[in-house]
């Protein structure tokens, strides 16, 4: 490869939010209304190869669905990717164009944080290929957030992650608080599992970005914000003590509250499907049988069941027997993104 062309590949994980980011205070800067806490996953990932060429003109974006072939990305997918590449070129002080090949190991746009993993992987691969990798985790978080996917700010870190909105949450400067996520516990601290019941793998009708825009119109929006301070403290404390019951009660309350906001927004957003409610009832039944498993749902219909490692198989078996469940994804807390030399070549390489 010539001196004008450089290539890099990163794999980055999705994350599941225990305290959700919902509602955006400043869309241009991607500043949330509230702090959020998530668990970085390990198996639901995006892999992205970026080839930067200083002599190249337009960017070329290729995407591969699970089990499919690489195809030119649809405009709705490619447009934010090109916009973020331009941001990263400006930061790196370079001209030229990129070829991008990216795929997810799980359904895209179905409420399993594919934008978080996808833009984290793109940010790290493109920055490396442009010769300007982030200096540290905080800078990587800021750069990923600038893609427009706020949750990508968390996916560049492993373990349990806080994306703070305010000075009180971060303990740092107000500028830092508005930008960078921080790790509050490592993956090794607590081996939690995430059993995902996929009830609908199709892309959701209303994007998370539109959901953020509509959120302040809900009468439940302001009351939720008032309650989040206590929830954030409860989740942090439960993680530190490895208390699944305390964590589970809070994350279930938070998930239901987020969807109440969505459903009462103007116009309303109904992410749930009939299978969503069926899985929630299944989880309640499992708890009645002594299984410590708790549900959370991001902006989509699919249910994340959080449980200790020794109960993962029992939960997966229960979901697998349900006619409402398309598939079951087994995931766990992970250590974060990594670089690989296993580059995509793609049909246009």
C-alpha atoms as a PDB file:
ATOM      1  CA  UNK A   1       0.000   0.000   0.000  1.00  0.00           C
ATOM      2  CA  UNK A   2       1.376   3.407  -0.962  1.00  0.00           C
ATOM      3  CA  UNK A   3       2.373   6.112   1.498  1.00  0.00           C
ATOM      4  CA  UNK A   4      -0.795   8.018   0.612  1.00  0.00           C
ATOM      5  CA  UNK A   5      -3.022   5.101   1.636  1.00  0.00           C
ATOM      6  CA  UNK A   6      -3.433   3.774   5.153  1.00  0.00           C
ATOM      7  CA  UNK A   7      -5.841   1.168   6.454  1.00  0.00           C
ATOM      8  CA  UNK A   8      -7.137   0.322   9.936  1.00  0.00           C
ATOM      9  CA  UNK A   9      -9.780  -2.031  11.333  1.00  0.00           C
ATOM     10  CA  UNK A  10     -11.504  -1.920  14.715  1.00  0.00           C
ATOM     11  CA  UNK A  11     -14.166  -4.019  16.375  1.00  0.00           C
ATOM     12  CA  UNK A  12     -16.380  -2.111  18.816  1.00  0.00           C
ATOM     13  CA  UNK A  13     -19.200  -3.397  21.016  1.00  0.00           C
ATOM     14  CA  UNK A  14     -22.745  -2.246  21.553  1.00  0.00           C
ATOM     15  CA  UNK A  15     -23.791  -1.310  25.068  1.00  0.00           C
ATOM     16  CA  UNK A  16     -26.983  -1.697  27.054  1.00  0.00           C
ATOM     17  CA  UNK A  17     -28.006   1.333  29.081  1.00  0.00           C
ATOM     18  CA  UNK A  18     -29.189   0.789  32.642  1.00  0.00           C
ATOM     19  CA  UNK A  19     -29.986   4.499  32.960  1.00  0.00           C
ATOM     20  CA  UNK A  20     -31.031   5.712  29.514  1.00  0.00           C
ATOM     21  CA  UNK A  21     -29.936   8.720  27.486  1.00  0.00           C
ATOM     22  CA  UNK A  22     -33.241  10.064  26.157  1.00  0.00           C
ATOM     23  CA  UNK A  23     -33.640  13.641  25.018  1.00  0.00           C
ATOM     24  CA  UNK A  24     -30.934  15.868  23.604  1.00  0.00           C
ATOM     25  CA  UNK A  25     -30.259  19.348  24.951  1.00  0.00           C
ATOM     26  CA  UNK A  26     -27.993  20.434  22.074  1.00  0.00           C
ATOM     27  CA  UNK A  27     -28.269  18.380  18.890  1.00  0.00           C
ATOM     28  CA  UNK A  28     -25.241  19.938  17.193  1.00  0.00           C
ATOM     29  CA  UNK A  29     -22.929  19.257  20.134  1.00  0.00           C
ATOM     30  CA  UNK A  30     -24.787  16.074  21.150  1.00  0.00           C
ATOM     31  CA  UNK A  31     -25.300  17.171  24.750  1.00  0.00           C
ATOM     32  CA  UNK A  32     -27.881  15.061  26.612  1.00  0.00           C
ATOM     33  CA  UNK A  33     -30.488  16.249  29.080  1.00  0.00           C
ATOM     34  CA  UNK A  34     -29.389  13.607  31.564  1.00  0.00           C
ATOM     35  CA  UNK A  35     -26.488  11.395  32.559  1.00  0.00           C
ATOM     36  CA  UNK A  36     -26.582   7.729  31.608  1.00  0.00           C
ATOM     37  CA  UNK A  37     -24.978   4.484  32.768  1.00  0.00           C
ATOM     38  CA  UNK A  38     -24.414   1.444  30.574  1.00  0.00           C
ATOM     39  CA  UNK A  39     -22.818  -1.980  30.464  1.00  0.00           C
ATOM     40  CA  UNK A  40     -20.498  -2.532  27.516  1.00  0.00           C
ATOM     41  CA  UNK A  41     -21.235  -5.793  25.714  1.00  0.00           C
ATOM     42  CA  UNK A  42     -18.790  -8.218  24.092  1.00  0.00           C
ATOM     43  CA  UNK A  43     -20.559 -10.235  21.382  1.00  0.00           C
ATOM     44  CA  UNK A  44     -22.922  -7.707  19.782  1.00  0.00           C
ATOM     45  CA  UNK A  45     -20.263  -5.841  17.825  1.00  0.00           C
ATOM     46  CA  UNK A  46     -19.556  -3.755  14.750  1.00  0.00           C
ATOM     47  CA  UNK A  47     -16.436  -4.339  12.677  1.00  0.00           C
ATOM     48  CA  UNK A  48     -15.198  -1.491  10.505  1.00  0.00           C
ATOM     49  CA  UNK A  49     -12.299  -1.194   8.076  1.00  0.00           C
ATOM     50  CA  UNK A  50     -11.352   2.279   6.846  1.00  0.00           C
ATOM     51  CA  UNK A  51      -8.892   2.835   4.036  1.00  0.00           C
ATOM     52  CA  UNK A  52      -7.805   6.457   3.878  1.00  0.00           C
ATOM     53  CA  UNK A  53      -6.229   7.744   0.651  1.00  0.00           C
ATOM     54  CA  UNK A  54      -4.925  11.307   0.517  1.00  0.00           C
ATOM     55  CA  UNK A  55      -5.245  11.225  -3.287  1.00  0.00           C
ATOM     56  CA  UNK A  56      -8.834  10.008  -3.242  1.00  0.00           C
ATOM     57  CA  UNK A  57     -11.907  12.147  -3.866  1.00  0.00           C
ATOM     58  CA  UNK A  58     -15.341  11.048  -2.645  1.00  0.00           C
ATOM     59  CA  UNK A  59     -15.881   8.661   0.250  1.00  0.00           C
ATOM     60  CA  UNK A  60     -17.166   5.171  -0.541  1.00  0.00           C
ATOM     61  CA  UNK A  61     -19.315   3.404   2.067  1.00  0.00           C
ATOM     62  CA  UNK A  62     -20.060  -0.327   2.010  1.00  0.00           C
ATOM     63  CA  UNK A  63     -22.297  -2.185   4.475  1.00  0.00           C
ATOM     64  CA  UNK A  64     -22.995  -5.881   5.037  1.00  0.00           C
ATOM     65  CA  UNK A  65     -26.092  -7.211   6.776  1.00  0.00           C
ATOM     66  CA  UNK A  66     -25.802 -10.298   8.953  1.00  0.00           C
ATOM     67  CA  UNK A  67     -25.405 -13.253   6.603  1.00  0.00           C
ATOM     68  CA  UNK A  68     -25.314 -11.073   3.475  1.00  0.00           C
ATOM     69  CA  UNK A  69     -22.766  -9.574   1.101  1.00  0.00           C
ATOM     70  CA  UNK A  70     -21.201  -6.125   1.076  1.00  0.00           C
ATOM     71  CA  UNK A  71     -23.327  -3.626  -0.830  1.00  0.00           C
ATOM     72  CA  UNK A  72     -23.139   0.150  -1.300  1.00  0.00           C
ATOM     73  CA  UNK A  73     -24.709   1.649   1.814  1.00  0.00           C
ATOM     74  CA  UNK A  74     -28.125   3.249   1.471  1.00  0.00           C
ATOM     75  CA  UNK A  75     -28.123   7.029   1.599  1.00  0.00           C
ATOM     76  CA  UNK A  76     -29.765   7.156   5.039  1.00  0.00           C
ATOM     77  CA  UNK A  77     -26.904   5.015   6.370  1.00  0.00           C
ATOM     78  CA  UNK A  78     -24.085   6.597   4.368  1.00  0.00           C
ATOM     79  CA  UNK A  79     -24.966  10.247   4.971  1.00  0.00           C
ATOM     80  CA  UNK A  80     -24.086  10.399   8.708  1.00  0.00           C
ATOM     81  CA  UNK A  81     -20.992   8.273   8.054  1.00  0.00           C
ATOM     82  CA  UNK A  82     -19.717  10.767   5.462  1.00  0.00           C
ATOM     83  CA  UNK A  83     -20.525  13.659   7.777  1.00  0.00           C
ATOM     84  CA  UNK A  84     -18.507  12.067  10.578  1.00  0.00           C
ATOM     85  CA  UNK A  85     -15.600  11.301   8.257  1.00  0.00           C
ATOM     86  CA  UNK A  86     -15.496  14.991   7.363  1.00  0.00           C
ATOM     87  CA  UNK A  87     -15.366  15.885  11.067  1.00  0.00           C
ATOM     88  CA  UNK A  88     -12.498  13.453  11.620  1.00  0.00           C
ATOM     89  CA  UNK A  89     -10.597  14.735   8.556  1.00  0.00           C
ATOM     90  CA  UNK A  90     -10.905  18.280   9.848  1.00  0.00           C
ATOM     91  CA  UNK A  91      -9.581  17.211  13.243  1.00  0.00           C
ATOM     92  CA  UNK A  92      -6.679  15.302  11.655  1.00  0.00           C
ATOM     93  CA  UNK A  93      -5.860  18.164   9.274  1.00  0.00           C
ATOM     94  CA  UNK A  94      -5.900  15.929   6.207  1.00  0.00           C
ATOM     95  CA  UNK A  95      -7.554  15.922   2.809  1.00  0.00           C
ATOM     96  CA  UNK A  96      -8.539  12.933   0.734  1.00  0.00           C
ATOM     97  CA  UNK A  97     -11.215  10.282   0.868  1.00  0.00           C
ATOM     98  CA  UNK A  98     -12.058   7.007   2.545  1.00  0.00           C
ATOM     99  CA  UNK A  99     -13.313   3.600   1.641  1.00  0.00           C
ATOM    100  CA  UNK A 100     -15.351   2.174   4.519  1.00  0.00           C
ATOM    101  CA  UNK A 101     -16.518  -1.415   4.985  1.00  0.00           C
ATOM    102  CA  UNK A 102     -18.655  -2.110   8.032  1.00  0.00           C
ATOM    103  CA  UNK A 103     -20.876  -4.870   9.368  1.00  0.00           C
ATOM    104  CA  UNK A 104     -22.753  -5.691  12.565  1.00  0.00           C
ATOM    105  CA  UNK A 105     -22.921  -9.095  14.215  1.00  0.00           C
ATOM    106  CA  UNK A 106     -26.552  -8.443  15.209  1.00  0.00           C
ATOM    107  CA  UNK A 107     -29.708  -6.854  13.717  1.00  0.00           C
ATOM    108  CA  UNK A 108     -29.221  -3.227  12.664  1.00  0.00           C
ATOM    109  CA  UNK A 109     -31.553  -0.442  13.755  1.00  0.00           C
ATOM    110  CA  UNK A 110     -33.643  -2.743  15.967  1.00  0.00           C
ATOM    111  CA  UNK A 111     -32.915  -1.125  19.318  1.00  0.00           C
ATOM    112  CA  UNK A 112     -29.732  -3.051  20.208  1.00  0.00           C
ATOM    113  CA  UNK A 113     -27.406  -0.018  19.961  1.00  0.00           C
ATOM    114  CA  UNK A 114     -26.000  -0.653  16.484  1.00  0.00           C
ATOM    115  CA  UNK A 115     -25.284   3.079  16.095  1.00  0.00           C
ATOM    116  CA  UNK A 116     -23.196   3.024  19.295  1.00  0.00           C
ATOM    117  CA  UNK A 117     -21.015   0.143  18.162  1.00  0.00           C
ATOM    118  CA  UNK A 118     -20.948   1.253  14.536  1.00  0.00           C
ATOM    119  CA  UNK A 119     -19.839   4.813  15.148  1.00  0.00           C
ATOM    120  CA  UNK A 120     -17.351   3.766  17.820  1.00  0.00           C
ATOM    121  CA  UNK A 121     -15.709   1.370  15.375  1.00  0.00           C
ATOM    122  CA  UNK A 122     -15.805   3.972  12.578  1.00  0.00           C
ATOM    123  CA  UNK A 123     -14.318   6.664  14.818  1.00  0.00           C
ATOM    124  CA  UNK A 124     -11.401   4.521  15.946  1.00  0.00           C
ATOM    125  CA  UNK A 125     -10.664   2.984  12.534  1.00  0.00           C
ATOM    126  CA  UNK A 126     -10.910   6.262  10.611  1.00  0.00           C
ATOM    127  CA  UNK A 127      -8.833   8.209  13.135  1.00  0.00           C
ATOM    128  CA  UNK A 128      -6.120   5.560  13.003  1.00  0.00           C
ATOM    129  CA  UNK A 129      -6.174   5.415   9.196  1.00  0.00           C
ATOM    130  CA  UNK A 130      -5.911   9.201   9.024  1.00  0.00           C
ATOM    131  CA  UNK A 131      -2.844   9.098  11.268  1.00  0.00           C
ATOM    132  CA  UNK A 132      -4.531  10.868  14.180  1.00  0.00           C
ATOM    133  CA  UNK A 133      -5.703   8.272  16.732  1.00  0.00           C
ATOM    134  CA  UNK A 134      -7.274   9.508  19.997  1.00  0.00           C
ATOM    135  CA  UNK A 135      -4.720  10.244  22.693  1.00  0.00           C
ATOM    136  CA  UNK A 136      -6.782   8.597  25.425  1.00  0.00           C
ATOM    137  CA  UNK A 137     -10.204   7.143  26.251  1.00  0.00           C
ATOM    138  CA  UNK A 138     -11.695  10.543  27.014  1.00  0.00           C
ATOM    139  CA  UNK A 139     -10.770  11.886  23.580  1.00  0.00           C
ATOM    140  CA  UNK A 140     -12.066   8.718  21.927  1.00  0.00           C
ATOM    141  CA  UNK A 141     -15.375   9.199  23.749  1.00  0.00           C
ATOM    142  CA  UNK A 142     -15.638  12.806  22.617  1.00  0.00           C
ATOM    143  CA  UNK A 143     -14.876  11.910  19.000  1.00  0.00           C
ATOM    144  CA  UNK A 144     -17.403   9.073  18.968  1.00  0.00           C
ATOM    145  CA  UNK A 145     -20.078  11.365  20.423  1.00  0.00           C
ATOM    146  CA  UNK A 146     -19.446  13.885  17.658  1.00  0.00           C
ATOM    147  CA  UNK A 147     -20.840  11.339  15.181  1.00  0.00           C
ATOM    148  CA  UNK A 148     -24.305  12.248  16.421  1.00  0.00           C
ATOM    149  CA  UNK A 149     -24.746   8.958  18.282  1.00  0.00           C
ATOM    150  CA  UNK A 150     -24.575   9.903  21.943  1.00  0.00           C
ATOM    151  CA  UNK A 151     -24.456   6.281  23.070  1.00  0.00           C
ATOM    152  CA  UNK A 152     -21.283   5.818  21.001  1.00  0.00           C
ATOM    153  CA  UNK A 153     -19.561   7.936  23.667  1.00  0.00           C
ATOM    154  CA  UNK A 154     -19.988   4.960  26.020  1.00  0.00           C
ATOM    155  CA  UNK A 155     -19.052   2.142  23.624  1.00  0.00           C
ATOM    156  CA  UNK A 156     -15.397   3.189  23.389  1.00  0.00           C
ATOM    157  CA  UNK A 157     -14.956   2.057  27.005  1.00  0.00           C
ATOM    158  CA  UNK A 158     -15.277  -1.375  28.570  1.00  0.00           C
ATOM    159  CA  UNK A 159     -17.060  -2.530  31.686  1.00  0.00           C
ATOM    160  CA  UNK A 160     -19.608  -0.228  33.290  1.00  0.00           C
ATOM    161  CA  UNK A 161     -19.670   3.305  31.937  1.00  0.00           C
ATOM    162  CA  UNK A 162     -21.081   6.675  32.968  1.00  0.00           C
ATOM    163  CA  UNK A 163     -21.698   9.381  30.389  1.00  0.00           C
ATOM    164  CA  UNK A 164     -22.156  12.444  32.601  1.00  0.00           C
ATOM    165  CA  UNK A 165     -24.295  15.438  31.831  1.00  0.00           C
ATOM    166  CA  UNK A 166     -23.281  17.584  34.793  1.00  0.00           C
ATOM    167  CA  UNK A 167     -20.292  18.553  36.923  1.00  0.00           C
ATOM    168  CA  UNK A 168     -21.709  16.740  39.945  1.00  0.00           C
ATOM    169  CA  UNK A 169     -21.738  13.416  38.119  1.00  0.00           C
ATOM    170  CA  UNK A 170     -18.282  13.605  36.587  1.00  0.00           C
ATOM    171  CA  UNK A 171     -16.251  15.324  39.270  1.00  0.00           C
ATOM    172  CA  UNK A 172     -14.405  17.180  36.514  1.00  0.00           C
ATOM    173  CA  UNK A 173     -14.758  20.390  34.573  1.00  0.00           C
ATOM    174  CA  UNK A 174     -18.081  21.353  33.027  1.00  0.00           C
ATOM    175  CA  UNK A 175     -16.499  20.940  29.577  1.00  0.00           C
ATOM    176  CA  UNK A 176     -15.384  17.421  30.431  1.00  0.00           C
ATOM    177  CA  UNK A 177     -18.788  16.627  31.919  1.00  0.00           C
ATOM    178  CA  UNK A 178     -20.515  17.571  28.687  1.00  0.00           C
ATOM    179  CA  UNK A 179     -18.244  15.464  26.529  1.00  0.00           C
ATOM    180  CA  UNK A 180     -16.482  12.357  27.812  1.00  0.00           C
ATOM    181  CA  UNK A 181     -17.762   9.113  29.272  1.00  0.00           C
ATOM    182  CA  UNK A 182     -15.849   7.459  32.134  1.00  0.00           C
ATOM    183  CA  UNK A 183     -15.512   3.880  33.308  1.00  0.00           C
ATOM    184  CA  UNK A 184     -16.966   3.344  36.803  1.00  0.00           C
ATOM    185  CA  UNK A 185     -16.155  -0.392  37.051  1.00  0.00           C
ATOM    186  CA  UNK A 186     -14.217  -2.856  34.933  1.00  0.00           C
ATOM    187  CA  UNK A 187     -15.693  -5.879  33.197  1.00  0.00           C
ATOM    188  CA  UNK A 188     -13.853  -8.104  35.667  1.00  0.00           C
ATOM    189  CA  UNK A 189     -15.642  -6.419  38.578  1.00  0.00           C
ATOM    190  CA  UNK A 190     -18.977  -8.150  37.871  1.00  0.00           C
ATOM    191  CA  UNK A 191     -19.691 -10.865  35.303  1.00  0.00           C
ATOM    192  CA  UNK A 192     -23.237  -9.946  34.318  1.00  0.00           C
ATOM    193  CA  UNK A 193     -24.947 -11.492  31.308  1.00  0.00           C
ATOM    194  CA  UNK A 194     -27.349  -9.944  28.804  1.00  0.00           C
ATOM    195  CA  UNK A 195     -29.770 -12.419  27.218  1.00  0.00           C
ATOM    196  CA  UNK A 196     -31.467 -10.553  24.369  1.00  0.00           C
ATOM    197  CA  UNK A 197     -34.904 -11.730  23.277  1.00  0.00           C
ATOM    198  CA  UNK A 198     -35.236 -10.537  19.679  1.00  0.00           C
ATOM    199  CA  UNK A 199     -38.954 -10.236  18.979  1.00  0.00           C
ATOM    200  CA  UNK A 200     -38.519  -8.140  15.828  1.00  0.00           C
ATOM    201  CA  UNK A 201     -35.218  -7.846  13.939  1.00  0.00           C
ATOM    202  CA  UNK A 202     -36.520  -5.304  11.433  1.00  0.00           C
ATOM    203  CA  UNK A 203     -35.323  -1.686  11.646  1.00  0.00           C
ATOM    204  CA  UNK A 204     -37.629   0.349  13.872  1.00  0.00           C
ATOM    205  CA  UNK A 205     -40.039   2.807  12.248  1.00  0.00           C
ATOM    206  CA  UNK A 206     -38.949   5.794  14.376  1.00  0.00           C
ATOM    207  CA  UNK A 207     -35.215   6.353  14.821  1.00  0.00           C
ATOM    208  CA  UNK A 208     -33.660   7.067  18.188  1.00  0.00           C
ATOM    209  CA  UNK A 209     -32.659  10.492  16.890  1.00  0.00           C
ATOM    210  CA  UNK A 210     -36.292  11.361  16.206  1.00  0.00           C
ATOM    211  CA  UNK A 211     -37.185   9.948  19.608  1.00  0.00           C
ATOM    212  CA  UNK A 212     -34.698  12.278  21.292  1.00  0.00           C
ATOM    213  CA  UNK A 213     -36.242  15.224  19.477  1.00  0.00           C
ATOM    214  CA  UNK A 214     -39.770  14.329  20.531  1.00  0.00           C
ATOM    215  CA  UNK A 215     -38.952  13.448  24.157  1.00  0.00           C
ATOM    216  CA  UNK A 216     -39.403  16.946  25.703  1.00  0.00           C
ATOM    217  CA  UNK A 217     -42.984  17.061  24.383  1.00  0.00           C
ATOM    218  CA  UNK A 218     -44.007  14.269  26.780  1.00  0.00           C
ATOM    219  CA  UNK A 219     -45.656  15.186  30.115  1.00  0.00           C
ATOM    220  CA  UNK A 220     -43.484  12.445  31.653  1.00  0.00           C
ATOM    221  CA  UNK A 221     -40.226  14.014  30.441  1.00  0.00           C
ATOM    222  CA  UNK A 222     -39.659  16.538  33.248  1.00  0.00           C
ATOM    223  CA  UNK A 223     -40.764  14.215  36.097  1.00  0.00           C
ATOM    224  CA  UNK A 224     -38.376  11.527  34.823  1.00  0.00           C
ATOM    225  CA  UNK A 225     -35.473  13.967  34.871  1.00  0.00           C
ATOM    226  CA  UNK A 226     -36.283  14.852  38.480  1.00  0.00           C
ATOM    227  CA  UNK A 227     -36.143  11.189  39.471  1.00  0.00           C
ATOM    228  CA  UNK A 228     -32.929  10.323  37.638  1.00  0.00           C
ATOM    229  CA  UNK A 229     -30.509  11.640  40.256  1.00  0.00           C
ATOM    230  CA  UNK A 230     -31.634   9.010  42.746  1.00  0.00           C
ATOM    231  CA  UNK A 231     -31.662   6.313  40.076  1.00  0.00           C
ATOM    232  CA  UNK A 232     -28.113   7.096  38.987  1.00  0.00           C
ATOM    233  CA  UNK A 233     -26.883   6.812  42.564  1.00  0.00           C
ATOM    234  CA  UNK A 234     -28.804   3.574  43.061  1.00  0.00           C
ATOM    235  CA  UNK A 235     -27.330   1.979  39.930  1.00  0.00           C
ATOM    236  CA  UNK A 236     -23.768   3.044  40.760  1.00  0.00           C
ATOM    237  CA  UNK A 237     -24.131   1.685  44.281  1.00  0.00           C
ATOM    238  CA  UNK A 238     -25.643  -1.597  43.051  1.00  0.00           C
ATOM    239  CA  UNK A 239     -22.785  -2.072  40.582  1.00  0.00           C
ATOM    240  CA  UNK A 240     -20.170  -1.418  43.245  1.00  0.00           C
ATOM    241  CA  UNK A 241     -21.861  -3.888  45.640  1.00  0.00           C
ATOM    242  CA  UNK A 242     -22.697  -6.373  42.860  1.00  0.00           C
ATOM    243  CA  UNK A 243     -26.304  -6.361  44.058  1.00  0.00           C
ATOM    244  CA  UNK A 244     -28.452  -7.768  41.233  1.00  0.00           C
ATOM    245  CA  UNK A 245     -31.768  -7.187  43.000  1.00  0.00           C
ATOM    246  CA  UNK A 246     -31.068  -3.514  43.684  1.00  0.00           C
ATOM    247  CA  UNK A 247     -29.774  -3.025  40.144  1.00  0.00           C
ATOM    248  CA  UNK A 248     -32.674  -4.908  38.596  1.00  0.00           C
ATOM    249  CA  UNK A 249     -35.425  -3.001  40.358  1.00  0.00           C
ATOM    250  CA  UNK A 250     -33.958   0.312  39.259  1.00  0.00           C
ATOM    251  CA  UNK A 251     -33.227  -0.638  35.665  1.00  0.00           C
ATOM    252  CA  UNK A 252     -36.749  -2.010  35.193  1.00  0.00           C
ATOM    253  CA  UNK A 253     -38.301   1.180  36.565  1.00  0.00           C
ATOM    254  CA  UNK A 254     -36.065   3.233  34.286  1.00  0.00           C
ATOM    255  CA  UNK A 255     -36.863   1.202  31.175  1.00  0.00           C
ATOM    256  CA  UNK A 256     -40.622   1.440  31.683  1.00  0.00           C
ATOM    257  CA  UNK A 257     -40.329   5.165  32.370  1.00  0.00           C
ATOM    258  CA  UNK A 258     -38.396   5.768  29.151  1.00  0.00           C
ATOM    259  CA  UNK A 259     -41.078   4.019  27.110  1.00  0.00           C
ATOM    260  CA  UNK A 260     -43.782   5.971  28.927  1.00  0.00           C
ATOM    261  CA  UNK A 261     -42.012   9.117  27.711  1.00  0.00           C
ATOM    262  CA  UNK A 262     -41.861   7.744  24.178  1.00  0.00           C
ATOM    263  CA  UNK A 263     -45.489   6.657  24.160  1.00  0.00           C
ATOM    264  CA  UNK A 264     -46.685  10.026  25.461  1.00  0.00           C
ATOM    265  CA  UNK A 265     -44.507  12.143  23.162  1.00  0.00           C
ATOM    266  CA  UNK A 266     -46.145  14.208  20.432  1.00  0.00           C
ATOM    267  CA  UNK A 267     -46.579  12.411  18.152  1.00  0.00           C
ATOM    268  CA  UNK A 268     -46.325   9.241  20.251  1.00  0.00           C
ATOM    269  CA  UNK A 269     -43.804   6.488  19.586  1.00  0.00           C
ATOM    270  CA  UNK A 270     -44.747   2.855  20.158  1.00  0.00           C
ATOM    271  CA  UNK A 271     -41.566   0.793  20.079  1.00  0.00           C
ATOM    272  CA  UNK A 272     -43.069  -2.246  21.790  1.00  0.00           C
ATOM    273  CA  UNK A 273     -44.513  -5.183  19.873  1.00  0.00           C
ATOM    274  CA  UNK A 274     -46.847  -7.872  21.274  1.00  0.00           C
ATOM    275  CA  UNK A 275     -43.802 -10.083  21.780  1.00  0.00           C
ATOM    276  CA  UNK A 276     -42.192  -7.430  23.990  1.00  0.00           C
ATOM    277  CA  UNK A 277     -44.927  -7.783  26.590  1.00  0.00           C
ATOM    278  CA  UNK A 278     -44.833 -11.581  26.339  1.00  0.00           C
ATOM    279  CA  UNK A 279     -41.115 -11.580  27.165  1.00  0.00           C
ATOM    280  CA  UNK A 280     -41.659  -9.220  30.086  1.00  0.00           C
ATOM    281  CA  UNK A 281     -44.226 -11.630  31.522  1.00  0.00           C
ATOM    282  CA  UNK A 282     -41.781 -14.499  31.016  1.00  0.00           C
ATOM    283  CA  UNK A 283     -39.163 -12.629  33.033  1.00  0.00           C
ATOM    284  CA  UNK A 284     -41.642 -12.058  35.859  1.00  0.00           C
ATOM    285  CA  UNK A 285     -42.417 -15.778  35.830  1.00  0.00           C
ATOM    286  CA  UNK A 286     -38.727 -16.650  36.000  1.00  0.00           C
ATOM    287  CA  UNK A 287     -38.281 -14.367  39.004  1.00  0.00           C
ATOM    288  CA  UNK A 288     -41.223 -16.056  40.721  1.00  0.00           C
ATOM    289  CA  UNK A 289     -39.285 -19.301  40.282  1.00  0.00           C
ATOM    290  CA  UNK A 290     -36.221 -17.816  41.987  1.00  0.00           C
ATOM    291  CA  UNK A 291     -34.224 -16.687  38.933  1.00  0.00           C
ATOM    292  CA  UNK A 292     -32.703 -13.205  39.529  1.00  0.00           C
ATOM    293  CA  UNK A 293     -33.299 -11.771  36.060  1.00  0.00           C
ATOM    294  CA  UNK A 294     -34.434  -8.246  35.197  1.00  0.00           C
ATOM    295  CA  UNK A 295     -35.573  -6.556  32.010  1.00  0.00           C
ATOM    296  CA  UNK A 296     -34.476  -3.420  30.253  1.00  0.00           C
ATOM    297  CA  UNK A 297     -35.479  -2.187  26.808  1.00  0.00           C
ATOM    298  CA  UNK A 298     -33.728   0.428  24.693  1.00  0.00           C
ATOM    299  CA  UNK A 299     -35.485   2.350  21.910  1.00  0.00           C
ATOM    300  CA  UNK A 300     -36.908  -0.686  20.155  1.00  0.00           C
ATOM    301  CA  UNK A 301     -39.045  -3.780  20.777  1.00  0.00           C
ATOM    302  CA  UNK A 302     -36.358  -6.221  21.876  1.00  0.00           C
ATOM    303  CA  UNK A 303     -35.838  -7.118  25.530  1.00  0.00           C
ATOM    304  CA  UNK A 304     -32.494  -7.331  27.316  1.00  0.00           C
ATOM    305  CA  UNK A 305     -32.595  -9.708  30.286  1.00  0.00           C
ATOM    306  CA  UNK A 306     -29.822  -8.934  32.776  1.00  0.00           C
ATOM    307  CA  UNK A 307     -28.777 -11.740  35.098  1.00  0.00           C
ATOM    308  CA  UNK A 308     -25.753 -13.305  36.850  1.00  0.00           C
ATOM    309  CA  UNK A 309     -23.692 -15.708  34.755  1.00  0.00           C
ATOM    310  CA  UNK A 310     -25.010 -18.884  36.369  1.00  0.00           C
ATOM    311  CA  UNK A 311     -28.595 -18.128  35.260  1.00  0.00           C
ATOM    312  CA  UNK A 312     -27.873 -17.278  31.620  1.00  0.00           C
ATOM    313  CA  UNK A 313     -28.726 -20.731  30.246  1.00  0.00           C
ATOM    314  CA  UNK A 314     -32.023 -20.928  32.147  1.00  0.00           C
ATOM    315  CA  UNK A 315     -33.142 -17.557  30.807  1.00  0.00           C
ATOM    316  CA  UNK A 316     -32.072 -18.393  27.257  1.00  0.00           C
ATOM    317  CA  UNK A 317     -34.004 -21.677  27.347  1.00  0.00           C
ATOM    318  CA  UNK A 318     -37.142 -19.878  28.495  1.00  0.00           C
ATOM    319  CA  UNK A 319     -36.905 -17.325  25.672  1.00  0.00           C
ATOM    320  CA  UNK A 320     -36.046 -19.974  23.092  1.00  0.00           C
ATOM    321  CA  UNK A 321     -39.292 -21.821  23.802  1.00  0.00           C
ATOM    322  CA  UNK A 322     -41.467 -18.752  23.107  1.00  0.00           C
ATOM    323  CA  UNK A 323     -43.243 -18.447  19.766  1.00  0.00           C
ATOM    324  CA  UNK A 324     -42.998 -14.645  20.038  1.00  0.00           C
ATOM    325  CA  UNK A 325     -39.177 -14.698  20.047  1.00  0.00           C
ATOM    326  CA  UNK A 326     -37.372 -14.736  16.673  1.00  0.00           C
ATOM    327  CA  UNK A 327     -33.938 -15.448  18.130  1.00  0.00           C
ATOM    328  CA  UNK A 328     -31.934 -15.233  21.347  1.00  0.00           C
ATOM    329  CA  UNK A 329     -28.598 -13.434  21.588  1.00  0.00           C
ATOM    330  CA  UNK A 330     -26.250 -14.336  24.424  1.00  0.00           C
ATOM    331  CA  UNK A 331     -23.992 -11.517  25.510  1.00  0.00           C
ATOM    332  CA  UNK A 332     -22.000 -10.445  28.537  1.00  0.00           C
ATOM    333  CA  UNK A 333     -20.107  -7.509  29.948  1.00  0.00           C
ATOM    334  CA  UNK A 334     -17.050  -6.802  27.785  1.00  0.00           C
ATOM    335  CA  UNK A 335     -13.735  -5.004  27.820  1.00  0.00           C
ATOM    336  CA  UNK A 336     -14.345  -2.577  24.952  1.00  0.00           C
ATOM    337  CA  UNK A 337     -13.088  -2.006  21.389  1.00  0.00           C
ATOM    338  CA  UNK A 338      -9.949  -3.512  19.918  1.00  0.00           C
ATOM    339  CA  UNK A 339      -7.876  -3.155  16.768  1.00  0.00           C
ATOM    340  CA  UNK A 340      -7.374  -6.098  14.429  1.00  0.00           C
ATOM    341  CA  UNK A 341      -5.243  -6.797  11.355  1.00  0.00           C
ATOM    342  CA  UNK A 342      -8.089  -8.867   9.881  1.00  0.00           C
ATOM    343  CA  UNK A 343      -9.171  -6.195   7.409  1.00  0.00           C
ATOM    344  CA  UNK A 344     -12.226  -6.271   5.189  1.00  0.00           C
ATOM    345  CA  UNK A 345     -11.383  -6.198   1.534  1.00  0.00           C
ATOM    346  CA  UNK A 346     -14.893  -5.878   0.156  1.00  0.00           C
ATOM    347  CA  UNK A 347     -15.975  -6.096  -3.492  1.00  0.00           C
ATOM    348  CA  UNK A 348     -14.641  -2.630  -4.278  1.00  0.00           C
ATOM    349  CA  UNK A 349     -11.205  -3.012  -2.747  1.00  0.00           C
END
